[in-house]
């Protein structure tokens, strides 16, 4: 995350970005089924969304990316 975007990476390299959104367009909501997770949604394109979970949830990345 910088001062303009939130970007989610699958690995430790910059080429592994799987989701990126401008902070001006972000909406964060509680996840309906996972207590340790949040839904991040793009207000300009509601199909552009991802679930983000804390590390203690121990979910595999392919389980939380929607």
PDB file of N, CA and C in Angstrom:
ATOM      1  N   UNK A   1       0.845  -1.167   0.000  1.00  0.00           N
ATOM      2  CA  UNK A   1       0.000   0.000   0.000  1.00  0.00           C
ATOM      3  C   UNK A   1       0.890   1.230   0.000  1.00  0.00           C
ATOM      4  N   UNK A   2       0.554   2.180  -0.852  1.00  0.00           N
ATOM      5  CA  UNK A   2       1.233   3.464  -0.810  1.00  0.00           C
ATOM      6  C   UNK A   2       0.174   4.517  -0.473  1.00  0.00           C
ATOM      7  N   UNK A   3       0.413   5.755  -0.792  1.00  0.00           N
ATOM      8  CA  UNK A   3      -0.559   6.781  -0.425  1.00  0.00           C
ATOM      9  C   UNK A   3      -1.696   6.920  -1.438  1.00  0.00           C
ATOM     10  N   UNK A   4      -1.738   6.058  -2.474  1.00  0.00           N
ATOM     11  CA  UNK A   4      -2.801   6.138  -3.492  1.00  0.00           C
ATOM     12  C   UNK A   4      -3.496   4.820  -3.779  1.00  0.00           C
ATOM     13  N   UNK A   5      -2.858   3.689  -3.504  1.00  0.00           N
ATOM     14  CA  UNK A   5      -3.445   2.388  -3.851  1.00  0.00           C
ATOM     15  C   UNK A   5      -3.254   1.363  -2.746  1.00  0.00           C
ATOM     16  N   UNK A   6      -4.127   0.372  -2.760  1.00  0.00           N
ATOM     17  CA  UNK A   6      -3.974  -0.841  -1.969  1.00  0.00           C
ATOM     18  C   UNK A   6      -3.753  -1.955  -2.972  1.00  0.00           C
ATOM     19  N   UNK A   7      -2.665  -2.693  -2.830  1.00  0.00           N
ATOM     20  CA  UNK A   7      -2.347  -3.791  -3.746  1.00  0.00           C
ATOM     21  C   UNK A   7      -2.118  -5.046  -2.928  1.00  0.00           C
ATOM     22  N   UNK A   8      -2.694  -6.158  -3.384  1.00  0.00           N
ATOM     23  CA  UNK A   8      -2.535  -7.451  -2.726  1.00  0.00           C
ATOM     24  C   UNK A   8      -1.643  -8.315  -3.606  1.00  0.00           C
ATOM     25  N   UNK A   9      -0.609  -8.903  -2.988  1.00  0.00           N
ATOM     26  CA  UNK A   9       0.362  -9.734  -3.694  1.00  0.00           C
ATOM     27  C   UNK A   9       0.235 -11.183  -3.235  1.00  0.00           C
ATOM     28  N   UNK A  10       0.480 -12.127  -4.131  1.00  0.00           N
ATOM     29  CA  UNK A  10       0.476 -13.557  -3.788  1.00  0.00           C
ATOM     30  C   UNK A  10       1.812 -13.989  -3.183  1.00  0.00           C
ATOM     31  N   UNK A  11       2.882 -13.324  -3.581  1.00  0.00           N
ATOM     32  CA  UNK A  11       4.215 -13.688  -3.118  1.00  0.00           C
ATOM     33  C   UNK A  11       4.990 -12.424  -2.781  1.00  0.00           C
ATOM     34  N   UNK A  12       6.261 -12.588  -2.497  1.00  0.00           N
ATOM     35  CA  UNK A  12       7.093 -11.465  -2.089  1.00  0.00           C
ATOM     36  C   UNK A  12       7.653 -10.647  -3.237  1.00  0.00           C
ATOM     37  N   UNK A  13       7.230 -10.900  -4.467  1.00  0.00           N
ATOM     38  CA  UNK A  13       7.769 -10.093  -5.556  1.00  0.00           C
ATOM     39  C   UNK A  13       6.681  -9.207  -6.156  1.00  0.00           C
ATOM     40  N   UNK A  14       7.099  -8.138  -6.773  1.00  0.00           N
ATOM     41  CA  UNK A  14       6.171  -7.127  -7.278  1.00  0.00           C
ATOM     42  C   UNK A  14       5.336  -7.622  -8.457  1.00  0.00           C
ATOM     43  N   UNK A  15       5.782  -8.659  -9.135  1.00  0.00           N
ATOM     44  CA  UNK A  15       5.046  -9.203 -10.278  1.00  0.00           C
ATOM     45  C   UNK A  15       3.903 -10.129  -9.877  1.00  0.00           C
ATOM     46  N   UNK A  16       3.685 -10.339  -8.580  1.00  0.00           N
ATOM     47  CA  UNK A  16       2.655 -11.272  -8.130  1.00  0.00           C
ATOM     48  C   UNK A  16       1.375 -10.563  -7.680  1.00  0.00           C
ATOM     49  N   UNK A  17       1.170  -9.336  -8.101  1.00  0.00           N
ATOM     50  CA  UNK A  17      -0.032  -8.591  -7.698  1.00  0.00           C
ATOM     51  C   UNK A  17      -1.278  -9.267  -8.255  1.00  0.00           C
ATOM     52  N   UNK A  18      -2.265  -9.495  -7.396  1.00  0.00           N
ATOM     53  CA  UNK A  18      -3.520 -10.120  -7.814  1.00  0.00           C
ATOM     54  C   UNK A  18      -4.709  -9.172  -7.690  1.00  0.00           C
ATOM     55  N   UNK A  19      -4.506  -8.055  -7.019  1.00  0.00           N
ATOM     56  CA  UNK A  19      -5.595  -7.108  -6.806  1.00  0.00           C
ATOM     57  C   UNK A  19      -4.986  -5.751  -6.507  1.00  0.00           C
ATOM     58  N   UNK A  20      -5.527  -4.722  -7.128  1.00  0.00           N
ATOM     59  CA  UNK A  20      -5.061  -3.367  -6.861  1.00  0.00           C
ATOM     60  C   UNK A  20      -6.246  -2.413  -7.014  1.00  0.00           C
ATOM     61  N   UNK A  21      -6.329  -1.456  -6.115  1.00  0.00           N
ATOM     62  CA  UNK A  21      -7.450  -0.523  -6.112  1.00  0.00           C
ATOM     63  C   UNK A  21      -6.971   0.838  -5.618  1.00  0.00           C
ATOM     64  N   UNK A  22      -7.492   1.887  -6.208  1.00  0.00           N
ATOM     65  CA  UNK A  22      -7.183   3.233  -5.727  1.00  0.00           C
ATOM     66  C   UNK A  22      -7.930   3.466  -4.418  1.00  0.00           C
ATOM     67  N   UNK A  23      -7.268   4.090  -3.457  1.00  0.00           N
ATOM     68  CA  UNK A  23      -7.873   4.308  -2.147  1.00  0.00           C
ATOM     69  C   UNK A  23      -9.124   5.176  -2.218  1.00  0.00           C
ATOM     70  N   UNK A  24      -9.219   6.044  -3.213  1.00  0.00           N
ATOM     71  CA  UNK A  24     -10.413   6.879  -3.368  1.00  0.00           C
ATOM     72  C   UNK A  24     -11.647   6.046  -3.699  1.00  0.00           C
ATOM     73  N   UNK A  25     -11.459   4.851  -4.243  1.00  0.00           N
ATOM     74  CA  UNK A  25     -12.567   4.009  -4.698  1.00  0.00           C
ATOM     75  C   UNK A  25     -12.849   2.817  -3.785  1.00  0.00           C
ATOM     76  N   UNK A  26     -12.222   2.775  -2.630  1.00  0.00           N
ATOM     77  CA  UNK A  26     -12.273   1.588  -1.787  1.00  0.00           C
ATOM     78  C   UNK A  26     -13.476   1.613  -0.845  1.00  0.00           C
ATOM     79  N   UNK A  27     -14.053   0.418  -0.660  1.00  0.00           N
ATOM     80  CA  UNK A  27     -15.084   0.207   0.345  1.00  0.00           C
ATOM     81  C   UNK A  27     -14.709  -1.057   1.091  1.00  0.00           C
ATOM     82  N   UNK A  28     -14.639  -0.995   2.426  1.00  0.00           N
ATOM     83  CA  UNK A  28     -14.270  -2.148   3.245  1.00  0.00           C
ATOM     84  C   UNK A  28     -15.492  -2.547   4.070  1.00  0.00           C
ATOM     85  N   UNK A  29     -15.816  -3.844   4.029  1.00  0.00           N
ATOM     86  CA  UNK A  29     -16.971  -4.359   4.760  1.00  0.00           C
ATOM     87  C   UNK A  29     -16.570  -5.594   5.549  1.00  0.00           C
ATOM     88  N   UNK A  30     -17.345  -5.917   6.560  1.00  0.00           N
ATOM     89  CA  UNK A  30     -17.125  -7.163   7.276  1.00  0.00           C
ATOM     90  C   UNK A  30     -17.447  -8.325   6.354  1.00  0.00           C
ATOM     91  N   UNK A  31     -16.696  -9.408   6.515  1.00  0.00           N
ATOM     92  CA  UNK A  31     -16.968 -10.615   5.743  1.00  0.00           C
ATOM     93  C   UNK A  31     -18.132 -11.337   6.415  1.00  0.00           C
ATOM     94  N   UNK A  32     -19.097 -11.787   5.654  1.00  0.00           N
ATOM     95  CA  UNK A  32     -20.299 -12.390   6.227  1.00  0.00           C
ATOM     96  C   UNK A  32     -20.057 -13.745   6.884  1.00  0.00           C
ATOM     97  N   UNK A  33     -19.098 -14.513   6.379  1.00  0.00           N
ATOM     98  CA  UNK A  33     -18.916 -15.866   6.900  1.00  0.00           C
ATOM     99  C   UNK A  33     -17.590 -16.098   7.625  1.00  0.00           C
ATOM    100  N   UNK A  34     -16.637 -15.202   7.505  1.00  0.00           N
ATOM    101  CA  UNK A  34     -15.335 -15.379   8.157  1.00  0.00           C
ATOM    102  C   UNK A  34     -15.058 -14.186   9.071  1.00  0.00           C
ATOM    103  N   UNK A  35     -15.002 -14.442  10.384  1.00  0.00           N
ATOM    104  CA  UNK A  35     -14.854 -13.361  11.367  1.00  0.00           C
ATOM    105  C   UNK A  35     -13.550 -12.588  11.244  1.00  0.00           C
ATOM    106  N   UNK A  36     -12.473 -13.239  10.812  1.00  0.00           N
ATOM    107  CA  UNK A  36     -11.164 -12.592  10.743  1.00  0.00           C
ATOM    108  C   UNK A  36     -10.895 -11.941   9.391  1.00  0.00           C
ATOM    109  N   UNK A  37     -11.912 -11.839   8.548  1.00  0.00           N
ATOM    110  CA  UNK A  37     -11.717 -11.345   7.191  1.00  0.00           C
ATOM    111  C   UNK A  37     -12.574 -10.123   6.900  1.00  0.00           C
ATOM    112  N   UNK A  38     -12.177  -9.397   5.856  1.00  0.00           N
ATOM    113  CA  UNK A  38     -12.910  -8.230   5.380  1.00  0.00           C
ATOM    114  C   UNK A  38     -13.084  -8.353   3.884  1.00  0.00           C
ATOM    115  N   UNK A  39     -14.118  -7.724   3.367  1.00  0.00           N
ATOM    116  CA  UNK A  39     -14.339  -7.628   1.926  1.00  0.00           C
ATOM    117  C   UNK A  39     -13.862  -6.254   1.489  1.00  0.00           C
ATOM    118  N   UNK A  40     -13.024  -6.212   0.485  1.00  0.00           N
ATOM    119  CA  UNK A  40     -12.555  -4.958  -0.106  1.00  0.00           C
ATOM    120  C   UNK A  40     -13.175  -4.884  -1.492  1.00  0.00           C
ATOM    121  N   UNK A  41     -13.936  -3.814  -1.742  1.00  0.00           N
ATOM    122  CA  UNK A  41     -14.700  -3.678  -2.979  1.00  0.00           C
ATOM    123  C   UNK A  41     -14.359  -2.347  -3.636  1.00  0.00           C
ATOM    124  N   UNK A  42     -14.279  -2.373  -4.955  1.00  0.00           N
ATOM    125  CA  UNK A  42     -14.065  -1.163  -5.752  1.00  0.00           C
ATOM    126  C   UNK A  42     -15.427  -0.505  -5.984  1.00  0.00           C
ATOM    127  N   UNK A  43     -15.619   0.714  -5.490  1.00  0.00           N
ATOM    128  CA  UNK A  43     -16.894   1.428  -5.635  1.00  0.00           C
ATOM    129  C   UNK A  43     -17.241   1.746  -7.082  1.00  0.00           C
ATOM    130  N   UNK A  44     -16.266   1.726  -7.968  1.00  0.00           N
ATOM    131  CA  UNK A  44     -16.536   2.040  -9.374  1.00  0.00           C
ATOM    132  C   UNK A  44     -16.808   0.783 -10.198  1.00  0.00           C
ATOM    133  N   UNK A  45     -16.483  -0.396  -9.635  1.00  0.00           N
ATOM    134  CA  UNK A  45     -16.713  -1.662 -10.326  1.00  0.00           C
ATOM    135  C   UNK A  45     -16.939  -2.731  -9.260  1.00  0.00           C
ATOM    136  N   UNK A  46     -18.183  -2.989  -8.919  1.00  0.00           N
ATOM    137  CA  UNK A  46     -18.495  -3.892  -7.816  1.00  0.00           C
ATOM    138  C   UNK A  46     -18.092  -5.339  -8.078  1.00  0.00           C
ATOM    139  N   UNK A  47     -17.750  -5.689  -9.303  1.00  0.00           N
ATOM    140  CA  UNK A  47     -17.229  -7.019  -9.605  1.00  0.00           C
ATOM    141  C   UNK A  47     -15.760  -7.144  -9.237  1.00  0.00           C
ATOM    142  N   UNK A  48     -15.105  -6.038  -8.973  1.00  0.00           N
ATOM    143  CA  UNK A  48     -13.688  -6.005  -8.592  1.00  0.00           C
ATOM    144  C   UNK A  48     -13.632  -6.007  -7.070  1.00  0.00           C
ATOM    145  N   UNK A  49     -13.461  -7.190  -6.483  1.00  0.00           N
ATOM    146  CA  UNK A  49     -13.480  -7.324  -5.027  1.00  0.00           C
ATOM    147  C   UNK A  49     -12.581  -8.463  -4.602  1.00  0.00           C
ATOM    148  N   UNK A  50     -12.224  -8.451  -3.315  1.00  0.00           N
ATOM    149  CA  UNK A  50     -11.362  -9.487  -2.759  1.00  0.00           C
ATOM    150  C   UNK A  50     -11.668  -9.627  -1.274  1.00  0.00           C
ATOM    151  N   UNK A  51     -11.441 -10.812  -0.748  1.00  0.00           N
ATOM    152  CA  UNK A  51     -11.522 -11.047   0.692  1.00  0.00           C
ATOM    153  C   UNK A  51     -10.106 -11.024   1.241  1.00  0.00           C
ATOM    154  N   UNK A  52      -9.900 -10.295   2.315  1.00  0.00           N
ATOM    155  CA  UNK A  52      -8.588 -10.181   2.941  1.00  0.00           C
ATOM    156  C   UNK A  52      -8.705 -10.672   4.375  1.00  0.00           C
ATOM    157  N   UNK A  53      -7.817 -11.610   4.771  1.00  0.00           N
ATOM    158  CA  UNK A  53      -7.875 -12.206   6.099  1.00  0.00           C
ATOM    159  C   UNK A  53      -6.569 -11.967   6.846  1.00  0.00           C
ATOM    160  N   UNK A  54      -6.670 -11.889   8.162  1.00  0.00           N
ATOM    161  CA  UNK A  54      -5.483 -11.764   8.994  1.00  0.00           C
ATOM    162  C   UNK A  54      -4.662 -13.037   8.953  1.00  0.00           C
ATOM    163  N   UNK A  55      -3.393 -12.956   9.255  1.00  0.00           N
ATOM    164  CA  UNK A  55      -2.507 -14.123   9.179  1.00  0.00           C
ATOM    165  C   UNK A  55      -2.921 -15.232  10.123  1.00  0.00           C
ATOM    166  N   UNK A  56      -3.538 -14.906  11.236  1.00  0.00           N
ATOM    167  CA  UNK A  56      -3.912 -15.945  12.191  1.00  0.00           C
ATOM    168  C   UNK A  56      -5.007 -16.857  11.671  1.00  0.00           C
ATOM    169  N   UNK A  57      -5.680 -16.464  10.588  1.00  0.00           N
ATOM    170  CA  UNK A  57      -6.737 -17.313  10.042  1.00  0.00           C
ATOM    171  C   UNK A  57      -6.172 -18.520   9.305  1.00  0.00           C
ATOM    172  N   UNK A  58      -4.912 -18.455   8.882  1.00  0.00           N
ATOM    173  CA  UNK A  58      -4.192 -19.560   8.228  1.00  0.00           C
ATOM    174  C   UNK A  58      -4.894 -20.081   6.985  1.00  0.00           C
ATOM    175  N   UNK A  59      -5.569 -19.216   6.248  1.00  0.00           N
ATOM    176  CA  UNK A  59      -6.181 -19.628   4.985  1.00  0.00           C
ATOM    177  C   UNK A  59      -5.128 -19.592   3.890  1.00  0.00           C
ATOM    178  N   UNK A  60      -5.244 -20.497   2.961  1.00  0.00           N
ATOM    179  CA  UNK A  60      -4.383 -20.469   1.787  1.00  0.00           C
ATOM    180  C   UNK A  60      -4.846 -19.338   0.887  1.00  0.00           C
ATOM    181  N   UNK A  61      -3.927 -18.668   0.162  1.00  0.00           N
ATOM    182  CA  UNK A  61      -4.337 -17.542  -0.689  1.00  0.00           C
ATOM    183  C   UNK A  61      -5.423 -17.900  -1.678  1.00  0.00           C
ATOM    184  N   UNK A  62      -5.395 -19.104  -2.249  1.00  0.00           N
ATOM    185  CA  UNK A  62      -6.412 -19.435  -3.239  1.00  0.00           C
ATOM    186  C   UNK A  62      -7.796 -19.578  -2.613  1.00  0.00           C
ATOM    187  N   UNK A  63      -7.861 -19.703  -1.291  1.00  0.00           N
ATOM    188  CA  UNK A  63      -9.146 -19.804  -0.607  1.00  0.00           C
ATOM    189  C   UNK A  63      -9.772 -18.439  -0.348  1.00  0.00           C
ATOM    190  N   UNK A  64      -8.960 -17.402  -0.227  1.00  0.00           N
ATOM    191  CA  UNK A  64      -9.510 -16.113   0.174  1.00  0.00           C
ATOM    192  C   UNK A  64      -9.689 -15.148  -0.981  1.00  0.00           C
ATOM    193  N   UNK A  65      -9.077 -15.409  -2.119  1.00  0.00           N
ATOM    194  CA  UNK A  65      -9.198 -14.490  -3.243  1.00  0.00           C
ATOM    195  C   UNK A  65     -10.454 -14.823  -4.014  1.00  0.00           C
ATOM    196  N   UNK A  66     -11.319 -13.852  -4.167  1.00  0.00           N
ATOM    197  CA  UNK A  66     -12.601 -14.060  -4.857  1.00  0.00           C
ATOM    198  C   UNK A  66     -12.691 -13.163  -6.053  1.00  0.00           C
TER     199      UNK A  66
END
